[in-house]
Amino acid sequence: MRRWIALILLVGAAGLLFWVPQSSSEESNGDFTDYKVISHAMGGINDHAYTNSYEAFIANYEKGNRVFEVDLLLTEDGKLVARHEWTQHMTELLQQEDKLPKDRQAARLSYEEFKQSKILGGYDPLSWTDIMDLMERYPDIYIVTDTKEQEAEDMKHELAMLVNSAKARNPQLLERVVPQIYNQPMLQMVKEIHNFPSLIYTLYATKDTDDEVIDFVSKNAIEAVTIPEQRVTRTFLSKLKKAGAATYVNTINETYDVSKLKRMGVNGFYSDFLTEKEVESTSWLYAFGK
């Protein structure tokens, strides 16, 4: 009898040892807010940010990140591509000066110029078509759009191109596209183009007060709000939570800041370099009262 009891206890202990709760990836089917990190501009690579490159995506995907923000602009000939800005500063940041004539280094590039200009000497720039390729190859990723065109009509055209090309290829891709809106009127403009399952209200460009943001989020069932770090307060976060919105802060690259902001009630972070694992592990600090 003792032998049987010992065997039962041994099997039970082994079961506890190898039992693993459902993974977050299984629980997060259909909702980007199950993840804590949004990789900013496809995430950093080798200490470089803002590349929006294929290699940056691969590097951060392999580290466990699944939500990727991408900057989107139109080329000179009207193609949609992943680029933060058409400026001399960005050309220098991406180390593309030797690949472009001097008079093109601060210009809106053609699609061919864009695709042929390697980033940092070897990284591949991405078009929206390339990003749709990635979405089909990696069906567990979400793309958060940061539309960089300044004029409302250009922004509308950009989003319409994005939606129409996705519908022509595979309409289900749009279930994993999360547009950012930058002001209240933009919500209606986006809805007229496509009824996306999720939206993020990003506050860096708005003059809305906290109360105006909360009222807008409540009335329109906005799923998430992105807040500049300097605007974060416990009261604002608490009210947004009551309004049903997840809260993200941009752009955070230090685990100390993650720990501080998580204690205040922030749900997640845009980051160049942090990973899901690193952000999750900061919660261990709470146990020691730090």
Protein backbone atom coordinates (compact mmCIF):
# COMPACT_ATOMS: atom_id res chain seq x y z
CA MET A 1 0.00 0.00 0.00
CA ARG A 2 2.79 2.43 0.89
CA ARG A 3 4.41 1.70 -2.46
CA TRP A 4 1.17 2.62 -4.29
CA ILE A 5 0.76 5.83 -2.28
CA ALA A 6 4.35 6.82 -3.05
CA LEU A 7 3.78 6.11 -6.75
CA ILE A 8 0.60 8.24 -6.81
CA LEU A 9 2.40 11.11 -5.08
CA LEU A 10 5.30 10.81 -7.52
CA VAL A 11 2.99 10.93 -10.57
CA GLY A 12 1.14 13.92 -9.09
CA ALA A 13 4.39 15.79 -8.49
CA ALA A 14 5.53 15.07 -12.04
CA GLY A 15 2.23 16.37 -13.37
CA LEU A 16 2.68 19.64 -11.46
CA LEU A 17 6.24 19.91 -12.69
CA PHE A 18 5.29 19.65 -16.37
CA TRP A 19 1.91 21.40 -16.28
CA VAL A 20 1.96 24.75 -18.01
CA PRO A 21 -1.02 27.16 -18.05
CA GLN A 22 -2.44 28.25 -21.38
CA SER A 23 0.03 30.45 -23.17
CA SER A 24 -0.73 34.10 -23.76
CA SER A 25 -0.60 33.49 -27.50
CA GLU A 26 -3.53 31.09 -27.21
CA GLU A 27 -5.46 33.54 -25.05
CA SER A 28 -4.77 36.53 -27.29
CA ASN A 29 -6.53 35.36 -30.44
CA GLY A 30 -7.95 38.49 -32.02
CA ASP A 31 -6.79 41.17 -29.57
CA PHE A 32 -3.51 43.08 -29.67
CA THR A 33 -4.03 44.43 -26.13
CA ASP A 34 -3.08 41.02 -24.69
CA TYR A 35 0.50 42.05 -25.44
CA LYS A 36 2.53 44.54 -23.41
CA VAL A 37 4.99 45.77 -26.04
CA ILE A 38 4.41 47.56 -29.33
CA SER A 39 7.69 47.53 -31.26
CA HIS A 40 8.21 51.13 -32.36
CA ALA A 41 9.05 51.51 -36.09
CA MET A 42 9.31 47.70 -36.30
CA GLY A 43 11.59 47.76 -33.25
CA GLY A 44 15.26 48.56 -32.91
CA ILE A 45 18.11 46.53 -34.33
CA ASN A 46 21.76 46.64 -33.25
CA ASP A 47 21.08 49.78 -31.18
CA HIS A 48 19.46 51.55 -34.13
CA ALA A 49 15.86 52.82 -34.00
CA TYR A 50 13.48 54.14 -36.70
CA THR A 51 14.62 51.72 -39.41
CA ASN A 52 11.15 50.28 -40.19
CA SER A 53 13.16 47.50 -41.82
CA TYR A 54 12.60 43.83 -42.57
CA GLU A 55 15.57 42.79 -40.45
CA ALA A 56 14.30 44.82 -37.47
CA PHE A 57 10.97 43.02 -37.70
CA ILE A 58 12.62 39.59 -37.81
CA ALA A 59 14.94 40.40 -34.90
CA ASN A 60 12.09 41.55 -32.66
CA TYR A 61 9.72 38.78 -33.71
CA GLU A 62 12.36 36.23 -32.77
CA LYS A 63 12.63 37.90 -29.35
CA GLY A 64 8.92 37.28 -28.79
CA ASN A 65 7.28 40.56 -29.78
CA ARG A 66 4.06 40.31 -31.74
CA VAL A 67 2.72 43.87 -32.11
CA PHE A 68 4.62 46.15 -34.49
CA GLU A 69 4.10 49.84 -35.12
CA VAL A 70 5.10 50.99 -38.60
CA ASP A 71 5.52 54.52 -39.96
CA LEU A 72 3.79 54.96 -43.32
CA LEU A 73 4.36 57.56 -46.02
CA LEU A 74 3.68 57.92 -49.74
CA THR A 75 6.53 57.90 -52.24
CA GLU A 76 6.88 60.48 -54.97
CA ASP A 77 5.04 58.14 -57.35
CA GLY A 78 2.25 57.33 -54.88
CA LYS A 79 3.33 54.01 -53.36
CA LEU A 80 2.80 53.29 -49.66
CA VAL A 81 6.05 52.56 -47.80
CA ALA A 82 7.47 52.30 -44.28
CA ARG A 83 9.34 55.52 -43.60
CA HIS A 84 9.27 57.97 -40.69
CA GLU A 85 9.94 61.14 -42.68
CA TRP A 86 11.41 62.48 -45.92
CA THR A 87 14.19 64.64 -44.46
CA GLN A 88 17.95 65.01 -44.59
CA HIS A 89 18.04 64.08 -40.91
CA MET A 90 16.33 60.74 -41.57
CA THR A 91 18.57 60.03 -44.54
CA GLU A 92 21.59 60.58 -42.30
CA LEU A 93 20.09 58.56 -39.44
CA LEU A 94 19.55 55.62 -41.80
CA GLN A 95 23.04 56.17 -43.32
CA GLN A 96 21.76 56.44 -46.88
CA GLU A 97 23.68 59.54 -48.01
CA ASP A 98 26.09 57.58 -50.21
CA LYS A 99 23.17 55.80 -51.93
CA LEU A 100 21.34 58.97 -52.96
CA PRO A 101 22.34 62.05 -54.98
CA LYS A 102 22.65 65.15 -52.83
CA ASP A 103 19.50 66.71 -54.27
CA ARG A 104 17.49 63.60 -53.31
CA GLN A 105 18.64 63.23 -49.72
CA ALA A 106 15.86 65.46 -48.32
CA ALA A 107 13.31 64.67 -51.03
CA ARG A 108 10.26 62.44 -51.18
CA LEU A 109 11.81 59.44 -52.94
CA SER A 110 10.38 57.44 -55.79
CA TYR A 111 9.45 53.84 -55.00
CA GLU A 112 12.50 52.57 -56.90
CA GLU A 113 14.85 54.93 -55.03
CA PHE A 114 13.29 53.90 -51.71
CA LYS A 115 13.62 50.17 -52.35
CA GLN A 116 17.16 50.42 -53.68
CA SER A 117 18.47 52.47 -50.73
CA LYS A 118 19.62 49.95 -48.16
CA ILE A 119 19.29 51.07 -44.53
CA LEU A 120 22.45 51.25 -42.40
CA GLY A 121 24.39 49.60 -45.18
CA GLY A 122 22.42 46.37 -45.38
CA TYR A 123 18.85 46.41 -44.07
CA ASP A 124 15.89 46.15 -46.41
CA PRO A 125 13.25 48.92 -46.48
CA LEU A 126 9.62 47.76 -46.42
CA SER A 127 6.69 48.69 -48.60
CA TRP A 128 3.08 48.08 -47.52
CA THR A 129 3.07 45.11 -49.89
CA ASP A 130 6.08 43.69 -48.04
CA ILE A 131 4.27 44.18 -44.72
CA MET A 132 1.23 42.29 -46.01
CA ASP A 133 3.63 39.50 -47.01
CA LEU A 134 4.87 39.41 -43.41
CA MET A 135 1.32 39.35 -42.06
CA GLU A 136 0.53 36.31 -44.19
CA ARG A 137 3.78 34.57 -43.25
CA TYR A 138 3.36 35.39 -39.54
CA PRO A 139 -0.37 35.09 -38.75
CA ASP A 140 0.13 35.92 -35.06
CA ILE A 141 1.34 39.51 -35.56
CA TYR A 142 -0.53 42.81 -35.39
CA ILE A 143 0.41 45.97 -37.27
CA VAL A 144 -0.21 49.36 -35.65
CA THR A 145 -0.17 52.10 -38.28
CA ASP A 146 1.45 55.49 -37.78
CA THR A 147 0.35 57.46 -40.84
CA LYS A 148 2.84 60.27 -41.29
CA GLU A 149 1.25 62.34 -44.03
CA GLN A 150 0.43 65.82 -42.68
CA GLU A 151 -2.52 66.80 -44.87
CA ALA A 152 -5.89 65.23 -44.05
CA GLU A 153 -6.57 64.32 -47.70
CA ASP A 154 -3.16 62.64 -48.04
CA MET A 155 -3.76 60.71 -44.84
CA LYS A 156 -7.18 59.62 -46.10
CA HIS A 157 -5.67 58.54 -49.41
CA GLU A 158 -2.95 56.62 -47.56
CA LEU A 159 -5.45 54.69 -45.43
CA ALA A 160 -7.67 53.99 -48.44
CA MET A 161 -4.68 52.54 -50.30
CA LEU A 162 -3.84 50.37 -47.31
CA VAL A 163 -7.39 49.05 -47.00
CA ASN A 164 -7.98 48.50 -50.72
CA SER A 165 -4.74 46.61 -51.23
CA ALA A 166 -5.44 44.39 -48.22
CA LYS A 167 -8.99 43.68 -49.40
CA ALA A 168 -7.68 42.75 -52.85
CA ARG A 169 -5.20 40.31 -51.35
CA ASN A 170 -6.86 38.95 -48.19
CA PRO A 171 -9.51 40.98 -46.32
CA GLN A 172 -8.80 39.05 -43.11
CA LEU A 173 -5.46 40.86 -42.85
CA LEU A 174 -7.39 43.98 -41.80
CA GLU A 175 -8.49 42.14 -38.64
CA ARG A 176 -4.87 42.51 -37.49
CA VAL A 177 -4.33 46.13 -38.55
CA VAL A 178 -4.76 48.70 -35.76
CA PRO A 179 -4.84 52.32 -37.00
CA GLN A 180 -3.77 55.13 -34.73
CA ILE A 181 -5.91 58.27 -34.80
CA TYR A 182 -4.48 61.61 -33.70
CA ASN A 183 -7.58 63.73 -33.19
CA GLN A 184 -11.32 63.22 -32.75
CA PRO A 185 -12.40 64.07 -36.32
CA MET A 186 -10.04 61.41 -37.68
CA LEU A 187 -12.24 58.69 -36.18
CA GLN A 188 -15.05 59.36 -38.64
CA MET A 189 -12.62 59.55 -41.54
CA VAL A 190 -11.18 56.13 -40.67
CA LYS A 191 -14.64 54.58 -40.21
CA GLU A 192 -15.72 55.83 -43.64
CA ILE A 193 -12.79 53.92 -45.14
CA HIS A 194 -13.08 50.71 -43.09
CA ASN A 195 -14.60 49.55 -39.84
CA PHE A 196 -11.44 48.28 -38.13
CA PRO A 197 -11.99 46.00 -35.10
CA SER A 198 -9.55 48.05 -33.00
CA LEU A 199 -8.26 51.62 -32.90
CA ILE A 200 -5.72 53.50 -30.79
CA TYR A 201 -6.19 57.15 -29.87
CA THR A 202 -2.63 58.51 -29.75
CA LEU A 203 -2.38 61.78 -27.83
CA TYR A 204 0.94 63.32 -28.83
CA ALA A 205 -0.66 65.68 -31.39
CA THR A 206 -4.00 66.47 -29.74
CA LYS A 207 -4.95 69.46 -27.61
CA ASP A 208 -7.76 67.53 -25.92
CA THR A 209 -7.91 67.80 -22.14
CA ASP A 210 -7.93 64.61 -20.06
CA ASP A 211 -11.69 64.92 -19.58
CA GLU A 212 -12.25 65.41 -23.31
CA VAL A 213 -10.18 62.29 -24.06
CA ILE A 214 -12.11 60.24 -21.50
CA ASP A 215 -15.47 61.42 -22.85
CA PHE A 216 -14.43 60.64 -26.44
CA VAL A 217 -13.12 57.18 -25.51
CA SER A 218 -16.29 56.34 -23.56
CA LYS A 219 -18.70 57.44 -26.29
CA ASN A 220 -16.86 55.69 -29.11
CA ALA A 221 -15.64 52.48 -27.44
CA ILE A 222 -12.00 53.25 -28.25
CA GLU A 223 -10.00 50.18 -27.29
CA ALA A 224 -6.66 51.77 -26.42
CA VAL A 225 -5.07 55.15 -25.73
CA THR A 226 -1.40 56.00 -26.15
CA ILE A 227 -0.13 58.68 -23.77
CA PRO A 228 3.15 60.63 -23.84
CA GLU A 229 5.13 59.80 -20.69
CA GLN A 230 4.96 63.36 -19.37
CA ARG A 231 1.16 63.27 -19.46
CA VAL A 232 0.72 60.11 -17.38
CA THR A 233 -1.06 60.47 -14.02
CA ARG A 234 -2.73 57.87 -11.83
CA THR A 235 -6.04 59.72 -12.07
CA PHE A 236 -5.98 59.85 -15.88
CA LEU A 237 -5.06 56.16 -16.11
CA SER A 238 -7.77 55.17 -13.66
CA LYS A 239 -10.46 57.08 -15.54
CA LEU A 240 -9.36 55.61 -18.88
CA LYS A 241 -9.55 52.13 -17.39
CA LYS A 242 -13.10 52.81 -16.19
CA ALA A 243 -13.90 54.01 -19.71
CA GLY A 244 -12.79 50.62 -21.02
CA ALA A 245 -9.50 51.62 -22.67
CA ALA A 246 -6.13 49.91 -22.36
CA THR A 247 -3.31 52.42 -21.89
CA TYR A 248 0.09 52.53 -23.58
CA VAL A 249 2.97 54.95 -23.07
CA ASN A 250 5.48 55.94 -25.75
CA THR A 251 8.41 55.56 -26.23
CA ILE A 252 9.93 53.64 -23.29
CA ASN A 253 13.28 51.82 -23.45
CA GLU A 254 14.27 51.35 -19.80
CA THR A 255 12.91 48.64 -17.51
CA TYR A 256 13.07 51.06 -14.56
CA ASP A 257 10.54 53.30 -16.32
CA VAL A 258 8.41 50.27 -17.16
CA SER A 259 8.32 49.26 -13.50
CA LYS A 260 7.35 52.77 -12.37
CA LEU A 261 4.63 53.15 -15.00
CA LYS A 262 3.20 49.67 -14.44
CA ARG A 263 2.76 50.50 -10.76
CA MET A 264 0.79 53.56 -11.82
CA GLY A 265 -1.53 51.39 -13.89
CA VAL A 266 -0.15 51.48 -17.46
CA ASN A 267 -0.99 48.40 -19.54
CA GLY A 268 1.76 48.47 -22.14
CA PHE A 269 4.56 50.34 -23.88
CA TYR A 270 5.82 51.39 -27.27
CA SER A 271 9.50 50.55 -27.28
CA ASP A 272 12.48 50.48 -29.60
CA PHE A 273 14.33 47.76 -27.74
CA LEU A 274 12.31 46.16 -24.92
CA THR A 275 10.74 42.72 -25.34
CA GLU A 276 7.57 41.10 -24.00
CA LYS A 277 9.68 38.97 -21.66
CA GLU A 278 11.56 41.95 -20.25
CA VAL A 279 8.38 43.94 -19.63
CA GLU A 280 6.65 40.97 -18.00
CA SER A 281 9.66 40.30 -15.74
CA THR A 282 9.54 43.78 -14.22
CA SER A 283 6.48 42.67 -12.25
CA TRP A 284 8.80 40.62 -10.02
CA LEU A 285 10.01 43.94 -8.58
CA TYR A 286 6.61 44.43 -6.95
CA ALA A 287 7.14 41.50 -4.63
CA PHE A 288 10.04 43.34 -3.02
CA GLY A 289 8.22 46.66 -2.72
CA LYS A 290 10.40 48.47 -5.23
